[in-house]
Amino acid sequence: MKKSLISLLIVAAALIASALTYADMPDRLPIHWNAAGEIDRFTSKAFALFFLPGLMALLIAMFRVIPLLDAKKQNYEKFESSIRILENVVLLGLLVFHGITIGYGYGMEINVSMIVPPVIGIIFVALGNYMPRFQPNSHVGIKTASTLGNETVWRKTHQATAKFYVIGGLLMILTAFVPAPFQSVAFLCIIVGVALSTIFVSMRYTKKRF
């Protein structure tokens, strides 16, 4: 329970915020914004206020169950603290998104284009910082036939790829200052670049293995 305390407090904060503001919210609340930062989807306030807290609780449960399903579950103990930190970073990001919905309910003008890219960028930077600590497993990390089949390939792939995640995350943060018509394109290009770098690095160390 102590290991999950921060995570549970974050979820509790989201639930308390939903409960305290429920009566003040309009019947319909936004849950999605388009590439231009404009609201393009509304839903009932009950769904909007309790969906993300529910998703946060589900993520916590998932991270607790995953190690139990892995044949290499003993490896999770070696990087459990890193997983907990990343879990909390993701939950805090979702809490920020939850706050955006509540803010709109109170009539606040919020520029999501200045908030969402930095939040996701911070998650990528955190992932890049802790990725080298990941030990071989079947659920968390870069999972290819080569990385799962050879611990050296796993270690070198994660160490090299981590740099791309950090750089990509920092660039995502900077896209907050890119004009709206180009922001989504820049953001997508960064994600594709990080994904391709992951594939390239994995292939590179696979070839070196042979």
N, C-alpha and C. Protein backbone atom coordinates (compact mmCIF):
# COMPACT_ATOMS: atom_id res chain seq x y z
N MET A 1 0.82 -1.20 0.00
CA MET A 1 0.00 0.00 0.00
C MET A 1 0.86 1.26 0.00
N LYS A 2 1.99 1.25 0.76
CA LYS A 2 2.85 2.42 0.82
C LYS A 2 3.40 2.78 -0.55
N LYS A 3 3.72 1.75 -1.35
CA LYS A 3 4.28 1.98 -2.67
C LYS A 3 3.27 2.65 -3.60
N SER A 4 1.99 2.47 -3.32
CA SER A 4 0.93 3.02 -4.16
C SER A 4 0.32 4.29 -3.59
N LEU A 5 0.86 4.78 -2.48
CA LEU A 5 0.24 5.90 -1.77
C LEU A 5 0.10 7.14 -2.64
N ILE A 6 1.18 7.53 -3.30
CA ILE A 6 1.14 8.74 -4.13
C ILE A 6 0.14 8.57 -5.26
N SER A 7 0.16 7.41 -5.91
CA SER A 7 -0.77 7.13 -7.00
C SER A 7 -2.22 7.23 -6.52
N LEU A 8 -2.49 6.64 -5.37
CA LEU A 8 -3.85 6.66 -4.83
C LEU A 8 -4.26 8.07 -4.43
N LEU A 9 -3.32 8.87 -3.93
CA LEU A 9 -3.63 10.25 -3.57
C LEU A 9 -3.99 11.08 -4.80
N ILE A 10 -3.32 10.81 -5.91
CA ILE A 10 -3.61 11.53 -7.15
C ILE A 10 -5.02 11.20 -7.63
N VAL A 11 -5.36 9.90 -7.60
CA VAL A 11 -6.71 9.50 -8.00
C VAL A 11 -7.75 10.09 -7.04
N ALA A 12 -7.43 10.07 -5.75
CA ALA A 12 -8.34 10.64 -4.76
C ALA A 12 -8.57 12.12 -5.02
N ALA A 13 -7.51 12.85 -5.40
CA ALA A 13 -7.63 14.27 -5.70
C ALA A 13 -8.59 14.49 -6.87
N ALA A 14 -8.47 13.64 -7.89
CA ALA A 14 -9.36 13.76 -9.05
C ALA A 14 -10.81 13.48 -8.67
N LEU A 15 -11.02 12.45 -7.87
CA LEU A 15 -12.38 12.10 -7.44
C LEU A 15 -12.99 13.17 -6.55
N ILE A 16 -12.20 13.71 -5.64
CA ILE A 16 -12.69 14.76 -4.76
C ILE A 16 -13.04 16.01 -5.55
N ALA A 17 -12.19 16.34 -6.53
CA ALA A 17 -12.46 17.51 -7.37
C ALA A 17 -13.77 17.32 -8.13
N SER A 18 -14.01 16.11 -8.63
CA SER A 18 -15.24 15.82 -9.37
C SER A 18 -16.45 15.94 -8.46
N ALA A 19 -16.33 15.37 -7.26
CA ALA A 19 -17.47 15.39 -6.33
C ALA A 19 -17.80 16.81 -5.86
N LEU A 20 -16.77 17.61 -5.59
CA LEU A 20 -16.98 18.96 -5.08
C LEU A 20 -17.53 19.91 -6.13
N THR A 21 -17.21 19.64 -7.39
CA THR A 21 -17.62 20.57 -8.46
C THR A 21 -18.84 20.08 -9.24
N TYR A 22 -19.28 18.87 -8.96
CA TYR A 22 -20.35 18.26 -9.75
C TYR A 22 -21.58 19.15 -9.85
N ALA A 23 -22.04 19.68 -8.73
CA ALA A 23 -23.27 20.49 -8.73
C ALA A 23 -23.10 21.78 -9.51
N ASP A 24 -21.88 22.29 -9.63
CA ASP A 24 -21.65 23.56 -10.33
C ASP A 24 -21.50 23.40 -11.84
N MET A 25 -21.29 22.17 -12.29
CA MET A 25 -21.01 21.94 -13.70
C MET A 25 -22.27 21.99 -14.55
N PRO A 26 -22.14 22.44 -15.81
CA PRO A 26 -23.28 22.38 -16.74
C PRO A 26 -23.57 20.92 -17.10
N ASP A 27 -24.71 20.67 -17.69
CA ASP A 27 -25.10 19.30 -18.01
C ASP A 27 -24.19 18.65 -19.05
N ARG A 28 -23.58 19.47 -19.90
CA ARG A 28 -22.68 18.95 -20.93
C ARG A 28 -21.29 19.56 -20.75
N LEU A 29 -20.27 18.70 -20.85
CA LEU A 29 -18.89 19.15 -20.69
C LEU A 29 -18.04 18.65 -21.85
N PRO A 30 -16.99 19.38 -22.23
CA PRO A 30 -16.12 18.95 -23.33
C PRO A 30 -15.20 17.81 -22.89
N ILE A 31 -14.96 16.88 -23.81
CA ILE A 31 -14.01 15.80 -23.52
C ILE A 31 -12.99 15.63 -24.64
N HIS A 32 -13.12 16.42 -25.71
CA HIS A 32 -12.17 16.27 -26.81
C HIS A 32 -12.00 17.60 -27.54
N TRP A 33 -10.76 17.83 -27.97
CA TRP A 33 -10.43 19.04 -28.72
C TRP A 33 -9.75 18.63 -30.03
N ASN A 34 -10.00 19.38 -31.10
CA ASN A 34 -9.38 19.06 -32.39
C ASN A 34 -7.97 19.63 -32.47
N ALA A 35 -7.33 19.45 -33.62
CA ALA A 35 -5.94 19.88 -33.79
C ALA A 35 -5.77 21.38 -33.63
N ALA A 36 -6.84 22.15 -33.86
CA ALA A 36 -6.77 23.60 -33.72
C ALA A 36 -7.05 24.06 -32.29
N GLY A 37 -7.25 23.10 -31.38
CA GLY A 37 -7.53 23.45 -30.01
C GLY A 37 -8.97 23.82 -29.74
N GLU A 38 -9.86 23.45 -30.68
CA GLU A 38 -11.27 23.78 -30.54
C GLU A 38 -12.04 22.55 -30.04
N ILE A 39 -13.01 22.79 -29.18
CA ILE A 39 -13.82 21.68 -28.67
C ILE A 39 -14.64 21.07 -29.79
N ASP A 40 -14.58 19.75 -29.94
CA ASP A 40 -15.36 19.10 -30.99
C ASP A 40 -16.19 17.92 -30.46
N ARG A 41 -16.20 17.74 -29.14
CA ARG A 41 -17.02 16.66 -28.59
C ARG A 41 -17.42 16.98 -27.14
N PHE A 42 -18.70 16.85 -26.88
CA PHE A 42 -19.23 17.05 -25.53
C PHE A 42 -19.85 15.74 -25.03
N THR A 43 -19.99 15.63 -23.72
CA THR A 43 -20.66 14.48 -23.14
C THR A 43 -21.33 14.91 -21.83
N SER A 44 -22.03 14.00 -21.20
CA SER A 44 -22.70 14.32 -19.94
C SER A 44 -21.66 14.65 -18.87
N LYS A 45 -22.05 15.49 -17.92
CA LYS A 45 -21.08 15.88 -16.90
C LYS A 45 -20.67 14.69 -16.03
N ALA A 46 -21.56 13.73 -15.84
CA ALA A 46 -21.21 12.55 -15.04
C ALA A 46 -20.07 11.78 -15.69
N PHE A 47 -20.16 11.57 -17.00
CA PHE A 47 -19.10 10.85 -17.71
C PHE A 47 -17.82 11.67 -17.71
N ALA A 48 -17.94 12.97 -18.03
CA ALA A 48 -16.77 13.83 -18.13
C ALA A 48 -16.01 13.93 -16.80
N LEU A 49 -16.75 13.96 -15.70
CA LEU A 49 -16.12 14.16 -14.40
C LEU A 49 -15.56 12.88 -13.77
N PHE A 50 -16.05 11.72 -14.22
CA PHE A 50 -15.61 10.49 -13.57
C PHE A 50 -14.89 9.51 -14.50
N PHE A 51 -14.84 9.83 -15.81
CA PHE A 51 -14.14 8.95 -16.73
C PHE A 51 -12.65 8.91 -16.45
N LEU A 52 -12.00 10.09 -16.38
CA LEU A 52 -10.55 10.10 -16.17
C LEU A 52 -10.16 9.55 -14.79
N PRO A 53 -10.85 9.88 -13.71
CA PRO A 53 -10.51 9.23 -12.44
C PRO A 53 -10.63 7.71 -12.52
N GLY A 54 -11.65 7.23 -13.24
CA GLY A 54 -11.80 5.79 -13.43
C GLY A 54 -10.65 5.20 -14.23
N LEU A 55 -10.24 5.94 -15.29
CA LEU A 55 -9.12 5.48 -16.10
C LEU A 55 -7.83 5.45 -15.29
N MET A 56 -7.66 6.44 -14.43
CA MET A 56 -6.48 6.49 -13.57
C MET A 56 -6.43 5.28 -12.64
N ALA A 57 -7.57 4.95 -12.04
CA ALA A 57 -7.64 3.79 -11.16
C ALA A 57 -7.36 2.50 -11.93
N LEU A 58 -7.84 2.44 -13.17
CA LEU A 58 -7.61 1.26 -14.00
C LEU A 58 -6.13 1.10 -14.33
N LEU A 59 -5.45 2.21 -14.58
CA LEU A 59 -4.01 2.16 -14.88
C LEU A 59 -3.23 1.63 -13.68
N ILE A 60 -3.60 2.09 -12.49
CA ILE A 60 -2.93 1.60 -11.28
C ILE A 60 -3.11 0.08 -11.15
N ALA A 61 -4.34 -0.36 -11.35
CA ALA A 61 -4.62 -1.80 -11.25
C ALA A 61 -3.85 -2.58 -12.30
N MET A 62 -3.76 -2.03 -13.51
CA MET A 62 -3.05 -2.70 -14.59
C MET A 62 -1.57 -2.87 -14.26
N PHE A 63 -0.96 -1.80 -13.72
CA PHE A 63 0.46 -1.88 -13.37
C PHE A 63 0.72 -2.84 -12.21
N ARG A 64 -0.31 -3.14 -11.42
CA ARG A 64 -0.13 -4.10 -10.34
C ARG A 64 -0.30 -5.53 -10.83
N VAL A 65 -1.15 -5.71 -11.84
CA VAL A 65 -1.45 -7.06 -12.34
C VAL A 65 -0.41 -7.54 -13.34
N ILE A 66 0.11 -6.63 -14.16
CA ILE A 66 1.04 -7.01 -15.23
C ILE A 66 2.21 -7.87 -14.73
N PRO A 67 2.91 -7.49 -13.67
CA PRO A 67 4.03 -8.33 -13.22
C PRO A 67 3.61 -9.76 -12.87
N LEU A 68 2.40 -9.93 -12.40
CA LEU A 68 1.93 -11.25 -12.00
C LEU A 68 1.72 -12.16 -13.20
N LEU A 69 1.55 -11.57 -14.40
CA LEU A 69 1.28 -12.35 -15.60
C LEU A 69 2.54 -12.64 -16.42
N ASP A 70 3.66 -12.11 -15.97
CA ASP A 70 4.90 -12.22 -16.74
C ASP A 70 5.76 -13.37 -16.22
N ALA A 71 6.29 -14.16 -17.14
CA ALA A 71 7.16 -15.27 -16.75
C ALA A 71 8.44 -14.76 -16.08
N LYS A 72 8.83 -13.52 -16.40
CA LYS A 72 10.03 -12.92 -15.82
C LYS A 72 9.65 -11.91 -14.74
N LYS A 73 8.65 -12.23 -13.97
CA LYS A 73 8.13 -11.27 -12.99
C LYS A 73 9.17 -10.88 -11.94
N GLN A 74 10.18 -11.72 -11.74
CA GLN A 74 11.21 -11.38 -10.77
C GLN A 74 12.01 -10.15 -11.21
N ASN A 75 12.04 -9.89 -12.52
CA ASN A 75 12.80 -8.73 -13.02
C ASN A 75 12.14 -7.41 -12.66
N TYR A 76 10.83 -7.42 -12.43
CA TYR A 76 10.12 -6.17 -12.14
C TYR A 76 10.63 -5.54 -10.84
N GLU A 77 11.07 -6.38 -9.91
CA GLU A 77 11.56 -5.86 -8.64
C GLU A 77 12.79 -4.98 -8.84
N LYS A 78 13.53 -5.23 -9.92
CA LYS A 78 14.77 -4.49 -10.16
C LYS A 78 14.51 -3.07 -10.67
N PHE A 79 13.32 -2.82 -11.24
CA PHE A 79 13.03 -1.46 -11.72
C PHE A 79 11.64 -0.99 -11.29
N GLU A 80 11.17 -1.58 -10.18
CA GLU A 80 9.84 -1.23 -9.68
C GLU A 80 9.73 0.25 -9.33
N SER A 81 10.78 0.81 -8.72
CA SER A 81 10.72 2.23 -8.34
C SER A 81 10.59 3.13 -9.57
N SER A 82 11.23 2.74 -10.67
CA SER A 82 11.13 3.52 -11.90
C SER A 82 9.72 3.47 -12.46
N ILE A 83 9.11 2.29 -12.41
CA ILE A 83 7.73 2.14 -12.88
C ILE A 83 6.79 2.99 -12.05
N ARG A 84 7.01 3.04 -10.74
CA ARG A 84 6.15 3.84 -9.87
C ARG A 84 6.26 5.33 -10.20
N ILE A 85 7.48 5.79 -10.47
CA ILE A 85 7.66 7.20 -10.81
C ILE A 85 6.96 7.52 -12.13
N LEU A 86 7.14 6.67 -13.13
CA LEU A 86 6.49 6.89 -14.42
C LEU A 86 4.97 6.83 -14.28
N GLU A 87 4.50 5.92 -13.47
CA GLU A 87 3.06 5.82 -13.21
C GLU A 87 2.53 7.13 -12.65
N ASN A 88 3.25 7.70 -11.69
CA ASN A 88 2.80 8.94 -11.08
C ASN A 88 2.85 10.11 -12.06
N VAL A 89 3.85 10.12 -12.93
CA VAL A 89 3.95 11.18 -13.94
C VAL A 89 2.75 11.12 -14.89
N VAL A 90 2.39 9.91 -15.32
CA VAL A 90 1.23 9.74 -16.20
C VAL A 90 -0.05 10.16 -15.49
N LEU A 91 -0.19 9.74 -14.24
CA LEU A 91 -1.39 10.09 -13.47
C LEU A 91 -1.51 11.60 -13.27
N LEU A 92 -0.39 12.27 -13.02
CA LEU A 92 -0.42 13.72 -12.87
C LEU A 92 -0.81 14.39 -14.18
N GLY A 93 -0.35 13.82 -15.30
CA GLY A 93 -0.75 14.34 -16.60
C GLY A 93 -2.24 14.22 -16.81
N LEU A 94 -2.80 13.08 -16.45
CA LEU A 94 -4.25 12.89 -16.57
C LEU A 94 -5.01 13.82 -15.61
N LEU A 95 -4.42 14.08 -14.46
CA LEU A 95 -5.05 15.00 -13.50
C LEU A 95 -5.11 16.42 -14.09
N VAL A 96 -4.07 16.80 -14.81
CA VAL A 96 -4.07 18.11 -15.49
C VAL A 96 -5.19 18.16 -16.52
N PHE A 97 -5.32 17.09 -17.32
CA PHE A 97 -6.39 17.05 -18.33
C PHE A 97 -7.76 17.10 -17.66
N HIS A 98 -7.87 16.45 -16.51
CA HIS A 98 -9.12 16.47 -15.75
C HIS A 98 -9.43 17.91 -15.30
N GLY A 99 -8.39 18.61 -14.89
CA GLY A 99 -8.55 19.99 -14.47
C GLY A 99 -9.02 20.89 -15.60
N ILE A 100 -8.58 20.59 -16.83
CA ILE A 100 -9.01 21.37 -17.99
C ILE A 100 -10.52 21.26 -18.17
N THR A 101 -11.04 20.05 -18.06
CA THR A 101 -12.49 19.84 -18.20
C THR A 101 -13.25 20.62 -17.14
N ILE A 102 -12.80 20.53 -15.90
CA ILE A 102 -13.47 21.25 -14.82
C ILE A 102 -13.37 22.75 -15.03
N GLY A 103 -12.21 23.20 -15.49
CA GLY A 103 -12.04 24.62 -15.75
C GLY A 103 -13.01 25.14 -16.79
N TYR A 104 -13.21 24.36 -17.86
CA TYR A 104 -14.18 24.76 -18.88
C TYR A 104 -15.58 24.80 -18.29
N GLY A 105 -15.87 23.90 -17.37
CA GLY A 105 -17.18 23.89 -16.73
C GLY A 105 -17.46 25.18 -15.98
N TYR A 106 -16.40 25.81 -15.51
CA TYR A 106 -16.54 27.08 -14.79
C TYR A 106 -16.42 28.30 -15.72
N GLY A 107 -16.35 28.01 -17.02
CA GLY A 107 -16.31 29.10 -17.99
C GLY A 107 -14.93 29.68 -18.25
N MET A 108 -13.89 28.99 -17.82
CA MET A 108 -12.53 29.49 -18.04
C MET A 108 -12.11 29.29 -19.49
N GLU A 109 -11.40 30.27 -20.03
CA GLU A 109 -10.85 30.15 -21.39
C GLU A 109 -9.47 29.50 -21.28
N ILE A 110 -9.38 28.27 -21.72
CA ILE A 110 -8.13 27.51 -21.59
C ILE A 110 -7.60 27.15 -22.97
N ASN A 111 -6.35 27.50 -23.22
CA ASN A 111 -5.71 27.17 -24.49
C ASN A 111 -5.06 25.80 -24.34
N VAL A 112 -5.78 24.76 -24.75
CA VAL A 112 -5.26 23.40 -24.58
C VAL A 112 -4.00 23.16 -25.41
N SER A 113 -3.82 23.93 -26.46
CA SER A 113 -2.64 23.77 -27.31
C SER A 113 -1.36 24.15 -26.56
N MET A 114 -1.50 24.93 -25.49
CA MET A 114 -0.36 25.31 -24.69
C MET A 114 -0.14 24.37 -23.51
N ILE A 115 -1.07 23.43 -23.32
CA ILE A 115 -1.00 22.54 -22.15
C ILE A 115 -0.73 21.09 -22.54
N VAL A 116 -1.50 20.59 -23.50
CA VAL A 116 -1.40 19.16 -23.85
C VAL A 116 -0.02 18.76 -24.37
N PRO A 117 0.57 19.46 -25.36
CA PRO A 117 1.90 19.04 -25.83
C PRO A 117 2.97 19.02 -24.74
N PRO A 118 3.05 20.05 -23.86
CA PRO A 118 4.05 19.98 -22.79
C PRO A 118 3.83 18.82 -21.83
N VAL A 119 2.57 18.53 -21.50
CA VAL A 119 2.29 17.42 -20.59
C VAL A 119 2.76 16.10 -21.19
N ILE A 120 2.41 15.86 -22.45
CA ILE A 120 2.84 14.63 -23.11
C ILE A 120 4.36 14.61 -23.26
N GLY A 121 4.94 15.78 -23.55
CA GLY A 121 6.39 15.88 -23.67
C GLY A 121 7.09 15.52 -22.39
N ILE A 122 6.55 15.97 -21.26
CA ILE A 122 7.13 15.64 -19.96
C ILE A 122 7.08 14.14 -19.70
N ILE A 123 5.98 13.52 -20.11
CA ILE A 123 5.86 12.06 -19.96
C ILE A 123 6.94 11.34 -20.77
N PHE A 124 7.18 11.81 -22.00
CA PHE A 124 8.22 11.21 -22.84
C PHE A 124 9.61 11.41 -22.24
N VAL A 125 9.88 12.61 -21.70
CA VAL A 125 11.17 12.88 -21.07
C VAL A 125 11.37 11.96 -19.87
N ALA A 126 10.34 11.81 -19.06
CA ALA A 126 10.43 10.92 -17.90
C ALA A 126 10.66 9.48 -18.34
N LEU A 127 9.95 9.05 -19.37
CA LEU A 127 10.12 7.69 -19.88
C LEU A 127 11.54 7.48 -20.37
N GLY A 128 12.07 8.46 -21.08
CA GLY A 128 13.44 8.35 -21.57
C GLY A 128 14.46 8.27 -20.46
N ASN A 129 14.22 9.00 -19.38
CA ASN A 129 15.15 9.00 -18.26
C ASN A 129 15.19 7.66 -17.53
N TYR A 130 14.05 6.99 -17.45
CA TYR A 130 13.98 5.76 -16.67
C TYR A 130 14.03 4.50 -17.53
N MET A 131 13.89 4.64 -18.83
CA MET A 131 13.89 3.47 -19.72
C MET A 131 15.15 2.61 -19.60
N PRO A 132 16.35 3.19 -19.45
CA PRO A 132 17.55 2.33 -19.34
C PRO A 132 17.53 1.40 -18.14
N ARG A 133 16.66 1.68 -17.16
CA ARG A 133 16.60 0.84 -15.97
C ARG A 133 15.69 -0.38 -16.16
N PHE A 134 14.92 -0.38 -17.24
CA PHE A 134 14.00 -1.50 -17.46
C PHE A 134 14.79 -2.80 -17.66
N GLN A 135 14.32 -3.84 -16.99
CA GLN A 135 14.91 -5.16 -17.16
C GLN A 135 14.02 -5.98 -18.11
N PRO A 136 14.58 -7.01 -18.77
CA PRO A 136 13.80 -7.81 -19.72
C PRO A 136 12.49 -8.31 -19.13
N ASN A 137 11.41 -8.05 -19.86
CA ASN A 137 10.08 -8.52 -19.46
C ASN A 137 9.19 -8.49 -20.69
N SER A 138 7.99 -9.01 -20.56
CA SER A 138 7.12 -9.17 -21.73
C SER A 138 6.09 -8.06 -21.90
N HIS A 139 6.06 -7.08 -20.99
CA HIS A 139 4.99 -6.10 -21.05
C HIS A 139 5.44 -4.64 -21.05
N VAL A 140 6.57 -4.33 -20.46
CA VAL A 140 7.01 -2.94 -20.32
C VAL A 140 8.33 -2.73 -21.03
N GLY A 141 8.36 -1.77 -21.96
CA GLY A 141 9.59 -1.49 -22.67
C GLY A 141 9.47 -1.78 -24.15
N ILE A 142 10.61 -1.85 -24.82
CA ILE A 142 10.66 -2.10 -26.26
C ILE A 142 10.71 -3.60 -26.47
N LYS A 143 9.61 -4.15 -26.92
CA LYS A 143 9.48 -5.61 -26.99
C LYS A 143 9.52 -6.07 -28.44
N THR A 144 10.66 -6.58 -28.85
CA THR A 144 10.80 -7.20 -30.16
C THR A 144 11.37 -8.60 -29.95
N ALA A 145 11.41 -9.38 -31.01
CA ALA A 145 11.96 -10.73 -30.89
C ALA A 145 13.41 -10.69 -30.43
N SER A 146 14.13 -9.67 -30.90
CA SER A 146 15.56 -9.57 -30.56
C SER A 146 15.78 -9.12 -29.13
N THR A 147 15.04 -8.11 -28.69
CA THR A 147 15.24 -7.61 -27.32
C THR A 147 14.77 -8.64 -26.29
N LEU A 148 13.70 -9.35 -26.61
CA LEU A 148 13.19 -10.35 -25.68
C LEU A 148 14.06 -11.61 -25.67
N GLY A 149 14.77 -11.82 -26.76
CA GLY A 149 15.58 -13.03 -26.88
C GLY A 149 17.01 -12.87 -26.43
N ASN A 150 17.45 -11.62 -26.19
CA ASN A 150 18.85 -11.41 -25.81
C ASN A 150 18.94 -10.21 -24.86
N GLU A 151 19.45 -10.42 -23.66
CA GLU A 151 19.49 -9.36 -22.66
C GLU A 151 20.43 -8.22 -23.06
N THR A 152 21.49 -8.53 -23.79
CA THR A 152 22.41 -7.49 -24.24
C THR A 152 21.73 -6.56 -25.23
N VAL A 153 21.00 -7.16 -26.18
CA VAL A 153 20.26 -6.35 -27.15
C VAL A 153 19.20 -5.51 -26.44
N TRP A 154 18.53 -6.11 -25.46
CA TRP A 154 17.53 -5.38 -24.67
C TRP A 154 18.16 -4.16 -24.01
N ARG A 155 19.28 -4.37 -23.32
CA ARG A 155 19.91 -3.29 -22.56
C ARG A 155 20.41 -2.18 -23.48
N LYS A 156 21.11 -2.54 -24.55
CA LYS A 156 21.67 -1.53 -25.44
C LYS A 156 20.56 -0.78 -26.20
N THR A 157 19.51 -1.49 -26.57
CA THR A 157 18.39 -0.85 -27.28
C THR A 157 17.72 0.18 -26.40
N HIS A 158 17.48 -0.16 -25.14
CA HIS A 158 16.81 0.77 -24.24
C HIS A 158 17.71 1.95 -23.87
N GLN A 159 19.01 1.71 -23.74
CA GLN A 159 19.92 2.80 -23.42
C GLN A 159 19.99 3.81 -24.57
N ALA A 160 20.05 3.30 -25.81
CA ALA A 160 20.16 4.18 -26.97
C ALA A 160 18.85 4.89 -27.28
N THR A 161 17.75 4.15 -27.21
CA THR A 161 16.45 4.71 -27.53
C THR A 161 16.03 5.77 -26.52
N ALA A 162 16.46 5.63 -25.29
CA ALA A 162 16.08 6.58 -24.23
C ALA A 162 16.43 8.01 -24.63
N LYS A 163 17.55 8.19 -25.32
CA LYS A 163 17.96 9.54 -25.73
C LYS A 163 16.95 10.14 -26.70
N PHE A 164 16.42 9.33 -27.59
CA PHE A 164 15.45 9.83 -28.55
C PHE A 164 14.14 10.22 -27.86
N TYR A 165 13.77 9.47 -26.83
CA TYR A 165 12.56 9.81 -26.08
C TYR A 165 12.72 11.14 -25.35
N VAL A 166 13.89 11.37 -24.78
CA VAL A 166 14.13 12.63 -24.08
C VAL A 166 14.13 13.79 -25.06
N ILE A 167 14.85 13.64 -26.16
CA ILE A 167 14.90 14.71 -27.17
C ILE A 167 13.51 14.95 -27.75
N GLY A 168 12.80 13.85 -28.08
CA GLY A 168 11.45 13.97 -28.62
C GLY A 168 10.53 14.67 -27.63
N GLY A 169 10.64 14.32 -26.34
CA GLY A 169 9.81 14.95 -25.32
C GLY A 169 10.07 16.45 -25.21
N LEU A 170 11.34 16.84 -25.26
CA LEU A 170 11.68 18.26 -25.20
C LEU A 170 11.14 19.02 -26.42
N LEU A 171 11.21 18.38 -27.57
CA LEU A 171 10.66 19.01 -28.78
C LEU A 171 9.15 19.14 -28.70
N MET A 172 8.49 18.13 -28.10
CA MET A 172 7.04 18.20 -27.91
C MET A 172 6.66 19.40 -27.05
N ILE A 173 7.45 19.64 -26.00
CA ILE A 173 7.19 20.78 -25.14
C ILE A 173 7.28 22.08 -25.93
N LEU A 174 8.26 22.15 -26.82
CA LEU A 174 8.46 23.36 -27.62
C LEU A 174 7.34 23.58 -28.63
N THR A 175 6.65 22.52 -29.03
CA THR A 175 5.56 22.69 -30.01
C THR A 175 4.41 23.50 -29.45
N ALA A 176 4.40 23.70 -28.14
CA ALA A 176 3.36 24.54 -27.54
C ALA A 176 3.43 25.96 -28.10
N PHE A 177 4.60 26.34 -28.62
CA PHE A 177 4.79 27.69 -29.13
C PHE A 177 4.71 27.76 -30.66
N VAL A 178 4.37 26.62 -31.27
CA VAL A 178 4.21 26.57 -32.72
C VAL A 178 2.78 27.00 -33.06
N PRO A 179 2.59 27.84 -34.09
CA PRO A 179 1.23 28.28 -34.47
C PRO A 179 0.31 27.09 -34.70
N ALA A 180 -0.95 27.26 -34.34
CA ALA A 180 -1.95 26.18 -34.39
C ALA A 180 -1.99 25.40 -35.71
N PRO A 181 -1.95 26.04 -36.87
CA PRO A 181 -2.05 25.25 -38.11
C PRO A 181 -0.92 24.24 -38.28
N PHE A 182 0.22 24.50 -37.65
CA PHE A 182 1.39 23.63 -37.84
C PHE A 182 1.72 22.79 -36.61
N GLN A 183 1.08 23.10 -35.49
CA GLN A 183 1.43 22.42 -34.25
C GLN A 183 1.17 20.93 -34.31
N SER A 184 -0.01 20.53 -34.79
CA SER A 184 -0.35 19.11 -34.83
C SER A 184 0.57 18.35 -35.78
N VAL A 185 0.96 18.99 -36.90
CA VAL A 185 1.87 18.34 -37.84
C VAL A 185 3.23 18.13 -37.20
N ALA A 186 3.73 19.16 -36.52
CA ALA A 186 5.03 19.06 -35.86
C ALA A 186 5.00 17.99 -34.77
N PHE A 187 3.91 17.97 -34.01
CA PHE A 187 3.77 17.00 -32.92
C PHE A 187 3.75 15.58 -33.48
N LEU A 188 3.00 15.37 -34.56
CA LEU A 188 2.91 14.04 -35.16
C LEU A 188 4.25 13.61 -35.73
N CYS A 189 4.97 14.54 -36.34
CA CYS A 189 6.29 14.21 -36.91
C CYS A 189 7.26 13.77 -35.81
N ILE A 190 7.18 14.40 -34.66
CA ILE A 190 8.05 14.03 -33.54
C ILE A 190 7.74 12.61 -33.07
N ILE A 191 6.46 12.30 -32.93
CA ILE A 191 6.06 10.96 -32.48
C ILE A 191 6.52 9.91 -33.48
N VAL A 192 6.33 10.18 -34.78
CA VAL A 192 6.77 9.25 -35.82
C VAL A 192 8.29 9.09 -35.77
N GLY A 193 8.99 10.20 -35.55
CA GLY A 193 10.44 10.16 -35.48
C GLY A 193 10.94 9.30 -34.33
N VAL A 194 10.31 9.44 -33.17
CA VAL A 194 10.69 8.62 -32.01
C VAL A 194 10.40 7.15 -32.28
N ALA A 195 9.25 6.87 -32.89
CA ALA A 195 8.88 5.48 -33.19
C ALA A 195 9.87 4.86 -34.17
N LEU A 196 10.23 5.60 -35.21
CA LEU A 196 11.17 5.09 -36.20
C LEU A 196 12.56 4.89 -35.60
N SER A 197 12.96 5.79 -34.71
CA SER A 197 14.26 5.64 -34.07
C SER A 197 14.31 4.38 -33.22
N THR A 198 13.18 4.04 -32.60
CA THR A 198 13.10 2.82 -31.80
C THR A 198 13.32 1.59 -32.68
N ILE A 199 12.67 1.59 -33.84
CA ILE A 199 12.82 0.46 -34.77
C ILE A 199 14.26 0.39 -35.29
N PHE A 200 14.81 1.55 -35.65
CA PHE A 200 16.18 1.60 -36.19
C PHE A 200 17.19 1.09 -35.18
N VAL A 201 17.09 1.56 -33.94
CA VAL A 201 18.05 1.16 -32.91
C VAL A 201 17.95 -0.33 -32.64
N SER A 202 16.73 -0.86 -32.56
CA SER A 202 16.54 -2.28 -32.31
C SER A 202 17.17 -3.11 -33.43
N MET A 203 16.94 -2.70 -34.68
CA MET A 203 17.51 -3.42 -35.82
C MET A 203 19.03 -3.34 -35.81
N ARG A 204 19.54 -2.18 -35.42
CA ARG A 204 20.99 -1.98 -35.41
C ARG A 204 21.68 -2.95 -34.46
N TYR A 205 21.15 -3.06 -33.23
CA TYR A 205 21.79 -3.93 -32.26
C TYR A 205 21.51 -5.41 -32.54
N THR A 206 20.40 -5.68 -33.25
CA THR A 206 20.13 -7.05 -33.67
C THR A 206 21.18 -7.52 -34.66
N LYS A 207 21.51 -6.63 -35.63
CA LYS A 207 22.54 -6.97 -36.62
C LYS A 207 23.90 -7.14 -35.97
N LYS A 208 24.20 -6.27 -35.00
CA LYS A 208 25.50 -6.38 -34.33
C LYS A 208 25.63 -7.69 -33.58
N ARG A 209 24.48 -8.18 -33.13
CA ARG A 209 24.49 -9.44 -32.39
C ARG A 209 24.98 -10.57 -33.26
N PHE A 210 24.65 -10.45 -34.56
CA PHE A 210 25.06 -11.52 -35.47
C PHE A 210 26.32 -11.13 -36.24
